[in-house]
Amino acid sequence: MRRNRFRPGDDAVSPVVGVVLLVGIAVLLTGSIAVFVLGFGPGEPAPETEIQFHQEDGNVTITMVEPAGVSADEIKIQLNGNRACTKNGGSWSGGLDPADSITVHGGSIGSCSAGSSVSPDSEVRVIWESSSGGGSEILGSYETS
């Protein structure tokens, strides 16, 4: 007959390890579900667009080559980090089509003046902001010379 090699009062370690693993898995699952339910998951992806910039006579013209279904309401244009002035108060509206363009001149909203030009070493940015508030991304930027 075999004798039990363990002392009669010893409990195995495996029930303790099992409980710790179950609690860890439960916490992990609860945290993952909470992140997606509360909306902290990945935001809306930016559209794949193609934008061209052209500088002439102190103005920068931005042309949508491939707008990829972007709405004008989702596009913001910045000059050196401030909302840019557009020539003759122009703006995009509705859905954007290929070859739609807008011209940016010097100054920012609040300090727009007719005839001002974009100074050298300025940065013009086209920024997409999701209409649902799911995120924003720079679609294109241009540094003037």
C-alpha atoms as a PDB file:
ATOM      1  CA  MET A   1       0.000   0.000   0.000  1.00  0.00           C
ATOM      2  CA  ARG A   2       1.172   3.506  -0.825  1.00  0.00           C
ATOM      3  CA  ARG A   3       1.370   6.081   1.765  1.00  0.00           C
ATOM      4  CA  ASN A   4       0.230   9.632   1.031  1.00  0.00           C
ATOM      5  CA  ARG A   5       3.368  11.693   0.527  1.00  0.00           C
ATOM      6  CA  PHE A   6       1.680  14.885   1.632  1.00  0.00           C
ATOM      7  CA  ARG A   7       0.965  15.779   5.159  1.00  0.00           C
ATOM      8  CA  PRO A   8      -2.703  15.575   6.019  1.00  0.00           C
ATOM      9  CA  GLY A   9      -3.102  19.355   6.645  1.00  0.00           C
ATOM     10  CA  ASP A  10      -1.581  20.576   3.338  1.00  0.00           C
ATOM     11  CA  ASP A  11      -3.930  22.099   0.786  1.00  0.00           C
ATOM     12  CA  ALA A  12      -2.966  22.223  -2.845  1.00  0.00           C
ATOM     13  CA  VAL A  13      -1.912  25.526  -4.396  1.00  0.00           C
ATOM     14  CA  SER A  14      -3.944  25.052  -7.587  1.00  0.00           C
ATOM     15  CA  PRO A  15      -7.294  26.295  -6.137  1.00  0.00           C
ATOM     16  CA  VAL A  16      -5.615  29.591  -5.162  1.00  0.00           C
ATOM     17  CA  VAL A  17      -4.021  29.986  -8.598  1.00  0.00           C
ATOM     18  CA  GLY A  18      -7.350  29.189 -10.246  1.00  0.00           C
ATOM     19  CA  VAL A  19      -9.195  31.859  -8.241  1.00  0.00           C
ATOM     20  CA  VAL A  20      -6.548  34.480  -9.023  1.00  0.00           C
ATOM     21  CA  LEU A  21      -6.731  33.680 -12.744  1.00  0.00           C
ATOM     22  CA  LEU A  22     -10.537  33.859 -12.786  1.00  0.00           C
ATOM     23  CA  VAL A  23     -10.558  37.203 -10.985  1.00  0.00           C
ATOM     24  CA  GLY A  24      -7.908  38.565 -13.396  1.00  0.00           C
ATOM     25  CA  ILE A  25      -9.883  37.443 -16.454  1.00  0.00           C
ATOM     26  CA  ALA A  26     -13.096  38.943 -15.045  1.00  0.00           C
ATOM     27  CA  VAL A  27     -11.388  42.305 -14.419  1.00  0.00           C
ATOM     28  CA  LEU A  28      -9.849  42.303 -17.904  1.00  0.00           C
ATOM     29  CA  LEU A  29     -13.148  41.530 -19.616  1.00  0.00           C
ATOM     30  CA  THR A  30     -15.039  44.104 -17.562  1.00  0.00           C
ATOM     31  CA  GLY A  31     -12.464  46.785 -18.386  1.00  0.00           C
ATOM     32  CA  SER A  32     -12.490  45.997 -22.109  1.00  0.00           C
ATOM     33  CA  ILE A  33     -16.276  46.075 -22.328  1.00  0.00           C
ATOM     34  CA  ALA A  34     -16.429  49.329 -20.344  1.00  0.00           C
ATOM     35  CA  VAL A  35     -13.955  51.034 -22.697  1.00  0.00           C
ATOM     36  CA  PHE A  36     -16.037  50.263 -25.789  1.00  0.00           C
ATOM     37  CA  VAL A  37     -19.398  50.981 -24.156  1.00  0.00           C
ATOM     38  CA  LEU A  38     -18.207  54.354 -22.846  1.00  0.00           C
ATOM     39  CA  GLY A  39     -16.740  55.303 -26.226  1.00  0.00           C
ATOM     40  CA  PHE A  40     -13.054  55.394 -25.395  1.00  0.00           C
ATOM     41  CA  GLY A  41     -12.274  53.013 -28.223  1.00  0.00           C
ATOM     42  CA  PRO A  42     -10.735  54.054 -31.521  1.00  0.00           C
ATOM     43  CA  GLY A  43     -12.341  57.110 -33.131  1.00  0.00           C
ATOM     44  CA  GLU A  44     -13.687  57.509 -36.632  1.00  0.00           C
ATOM     45  CA  PRO A  45     -10.909  57.077 -39.237  1.00  0.00           C
ATOM     46  CA  ALA A  46     -10.003  60.091 -41.357  1.00  0.00           C
ATOM     47  CA  PRO A  47     -11.005  59.968 -45.033  1.00  0.00           C
ATOM     48  CA  GLU A  48      -8.383  59.184 -47.664  1.00  0.00           C
ATOM     49  CA  THR A  49      -8.181  62.484 -49.541  1.00  0.00           C
ATOM     50  CA  GLU A  50      -5.709  64.079 -51.914  1.00  0.00           C
ATOM     51  CA  ILE A  51      -5.108  67.819 -51.663  1.00  0.00           C
ATOM     52  CA  GLN A  52      -2.892  70.097 -53.759  1.00  0.00           C
ATOM     53  CA  PHE A  53      -1.461  73.443 -52.686  1.00  0.00           C
ATOM     54  CA  HIS A  54      -0.367  76.185 -55.086  1.00  0.00           C
ATOM     55  CA  GLN A  55       1.266  79.446 -54.049  1.00  0.00           C
ATOM     56  CA  GLU A  56       1.084  82.493 -56.304  1.00  0.00           C
ATOM     57  CA  ASP A  57       1.101  86.270 -55.717  1.00  0.00           C
ATOM     58  CA  GLY A  58       1.100  85.908 -51.933  1.00  0.00           C
ATOM     59  CA  ASN A  59      -1.946  83.630 -51.891  1.00  0.00           C
ATOM     60  CA  VAL A  60      -2.218  79.880 -51.409  1.00  0.00           C
ATOM     61  CA  THR A  61      -4.840  77.995 -53.405  1.00  0.00           C
ATOM     62  CA  ILE A  62      -6.021  74.667 -51.987  1.00  0.00           C
ATOM     63  CA  THR A  63      -7.553  72.225 -54.461  1.00  0.00           C
ATOM     64  CA  MET A  64      -9.375  69.007 -53.573  1.00  0.00           C
ATOM     65  CA  VAL A  65      -8.050  66.447 -56.051  1.00  0.00           C
ATOM     66  CA  GLU A  66      -9.786  63.459 -54.443  1.00  0.00           C
ATOM     67  CA  PRO A  67     -12.238  64.572 -51.719  1.00  0.00           C
ATOM     68  CA  ALA A  68     -13.358  61.003 -50.818  1.00  0.00           C
ATOM     69  CA  GLY A  69     -16.843  62.002 -49.713  1.00  0.00           C
ATOM     70  CA  VAL A  70     -15.717  64.766 -47.363  1.00  0.00           C
ATOM     71  CA  SER A  71     -18.279  67.431 -46.544  1.00  0.00           C
ATOM     72  CA  ALA A  72     -17.300  71.110 -46.453  1.00  0.00           C
ATOM     73  CA  ASP A  73     -18.644  71.295 -42.887  1.00  0.00           C
ATOM     74  CA  GLU A  74     -15.941  68.859 -41.809  1.00  0.00           C
ATOM     75  CA  ILE A  75     -13.042  70.916 -43.241  1.00  0.00           C
ATOM     76  CA  LYS A  76     -11.234  73.695 -41.380  1.00  0.00           C
ATOM     77  CA  ILE A  77      -8.432  75.750 -42.907  1.00  0.00           C
ATOM     78  CA  GLN A  78      -5.757  77.214 -40.648  1.00  0.00           C
ATOM     79  CA  LEU A  79      -2.958  79.693 -41.243  1.00  0.00           C
ATOM     80  CA  ASN A  80      -0.237  79.440 -38.589  1.00  0.00           C
ATOM     81  CA  GLY A  81      -2.631  77.693 -36.203  1.00  0.00           C
ATOM     82  CA  ASN A  82      -5.464  80.239 -36.551  1.00  0.00           C
ATOM     83  CA  ARG A  83      -8.564  80.033 -38.704  1.00  0.00           C
ATOM     84  CA  ALA A  84      -7.527  81.327 -42.137  1.00  0.00           C
ATOM     85  CA  CYS A  85      -9.070  84.134 -44.192  1.00  0.00           C
ATOM     86  CA  THR A  86     -10.221  83.168 -47.643  1.00  0.00           C
ATOM     87  CA  LYS A  87     -10.164  85.432 -50.651  1.00  0.00           C
ATOM     88  CA  ASN A  88     -13.380  87.413 -51.177  1.00  0.00           C
ATOM     89  CA  GLY A  89     -14.995  85.590 -48.244  1.00  0.00           C
ATOM     90  CA  GLY A  90     -15.048  82.369 -50.263  1.00  0.00           C
ATOM     91  CA  SER A  91     -15.857  79.070 -48.669  1.00  0.00           C
ATOM     92  CA  TRP A  92     -16.636  75.519 -49.564  1.00  0.00           C
ATOM     93  CA  SER A  93     -20.176  74.307 -49.082  1.00  0.00           C
ATOM     94  CA  GLY A  94     -21.994  70.970 -49.231  1.00  0.00           C
ATOM     95  CA  GLY A  95     -20.206  67.903 -50.530  1.00  0.00           C
ATOM     96  CA  LEU A  96     -16.818  68.556 -52.079  1.00  0.00           C
ATOM     97  CA  ASP A  97     -16.101  67.562 -55.658  1.00  0.00           C
ATOM     98  CA  PRO A  98     -12.779  67.013 -57.423  1.00  0.00           C
ATOM     99  CA  ALA A  99     -11.235  70.333 -58.545  1.00  0.00           C
ATOM    100  CA  ASP A 100     -13.077  72.376 -55.875  1.00  0.00           C
ATOM    101  CA  SER A 101     -10.629  75.011 -54.701  1.00  0.00           C
ATOM    102  CA  ILE A 102     -10.380  77.875 -52.256  1.00  0.00           C
ATOM    103  CA  THR A 103      -7.771  80.617 -51.939  1.00  0.00           C
ATOM    104  CA  VAL A 104      -6.216  81.641 -48.634  1.00  0.00           C
ATOM    105  CA  HIS A 105      -4.747  85.109 -48.150  1.00  0.00           C
ATOM    106  CA  GLY A 106      -2.881  86.671 -45.241  1.00  0.00           C
ATOM    107  CA  GLY A 107      -4.377  87.253 -41.847  1.00  0.00           C
ATOM    108  CA  SER A 108      -6.663  85.182 -39.684  1.00  0.00           C
ATOM    109  CA  ILE A 109     -10.345  85.522 -38.841  1.00  0.00           C
ATOM    110  CA  GLY A 110     -10.775  88.735 -36.908  1.00  0.00           C
ATOM    111  CA  SER A 111      -7.838  90.430 -38.659  1.00  0.00           C
ATOM    112  CA  CYS A 112      -8.678  89.858 -42.333  1.00  0.00           C
ATOM    113  CA  SER A 113      -7.832  92.747 -44.611  1.00  0.00           C
ATOM    114  CA  ALA A 114      -8.280  93.030 -48.340  1.00  0.00           C
ATOM    115  CA  GLY A 115      -5.085  92.679 -50.318  1.00  0.00           C
ATOM    116  CA  SER A 116      -3.036  91.085 -47.542  1.00  0.00           C
ATOM    117  CA  SER A 117      -0.843  88.199 -48.582  1.00  0.00           C
ATOM    118  CA  VAL A 118       0.466  85.096 -46.863  1.00  0.00           C
ATOM    119  CA  SER A 119       3.894  85.832 -45.432  1.00  0.00           C
ATOM    120  CA  PRO A 120       6.884  83.576 -46.099  1.00  0.00           C
ATOM    121  CA  ASP A 121       7.455  80.661 -43.724  1.00  0.00           C
ATOM    122  CA  SER A 122       3.751  80.441 -42.896  1.00  0.00           C
ATOM    123  CA  GLU A 123       1.972  77.122 -42.548  1.00  0.00           C
ATOM    124  CA  VAL A 124      -1.407  76.461 -44.150  1.00  0.00           C
ATOM    125  CA  ARG A 125      -3.237  73.385 -42.850  1.00  0.00           C
ATOM    126  CA  VAL A 126      -6.374  71.595 -43.983  1.00  0.00           C
ATOM    127  CA  ILE A 127      -7.952  69.836 -41.007  1.00  0.00           C
ATOM    128  CA  TRP A 128     -10.756  67.278 -41.067  1.00  0.00           C
ATOM    129  CA  GLU A 129     -13.065  67.185 -38.050  1.00  0.00           C
ATOM    130  CA  SER A 130     -15.613  64.388 -37.835  1.00  0.00           C
ATOM    131  CA  SER A 131     -19.210  65.622 -37.915  1.00  0.00           C
ATOM    132  CA  SER A 132     -20.005  63.142 -35.141  1.00  0.00           C
ATOM    133  CA  GLY A 133     -17.182  64.460 -32.943  1.00  0.00           C
ATOM    134  CA  GLY A 134     -15.247  61.205 -33.333  1.00  0.00           C
ATOM    135  CA  GLY A 135     -11.889  62.787 -34.065  1.00  0.00           C
ATOM    136  CA  SER A 136      -9.847  65.118 -36.230  1.00  0.00           C
ATOM    137  CA  GLU A 137      -6.785  64.846 -38.401  1.00  0.00           C
ATOM    138  CA  ILE A 138      -4.580  67.042 -40.571  1.00  0.00           C
ATOM    139  CA  LEU A 139      -5.337  66.109 -44.182  1.00  0.00           C
ATOM    140  CA  GLY A 140      -2.614  68.277 -45.652  1.00  0.00           C
ATOM    141  CA  SER A 141      -0.221  71.080 -44.816  1.00  0.00           C
ATOM    142  CA  TYR A 142       1.872  73.495 -46.840  1.00  0.00           C
ATOM    143  CA  GLU A 143       4.730  75.773 -45.819  1.00  0.00           C
ATOM    144  CA  THR A 144       4.992  78.965 -47.825  1.00  0.00           C
ATOM    145  CA  SER A 145       8.233  80.220 -49.281  1.00  0.00           C
END
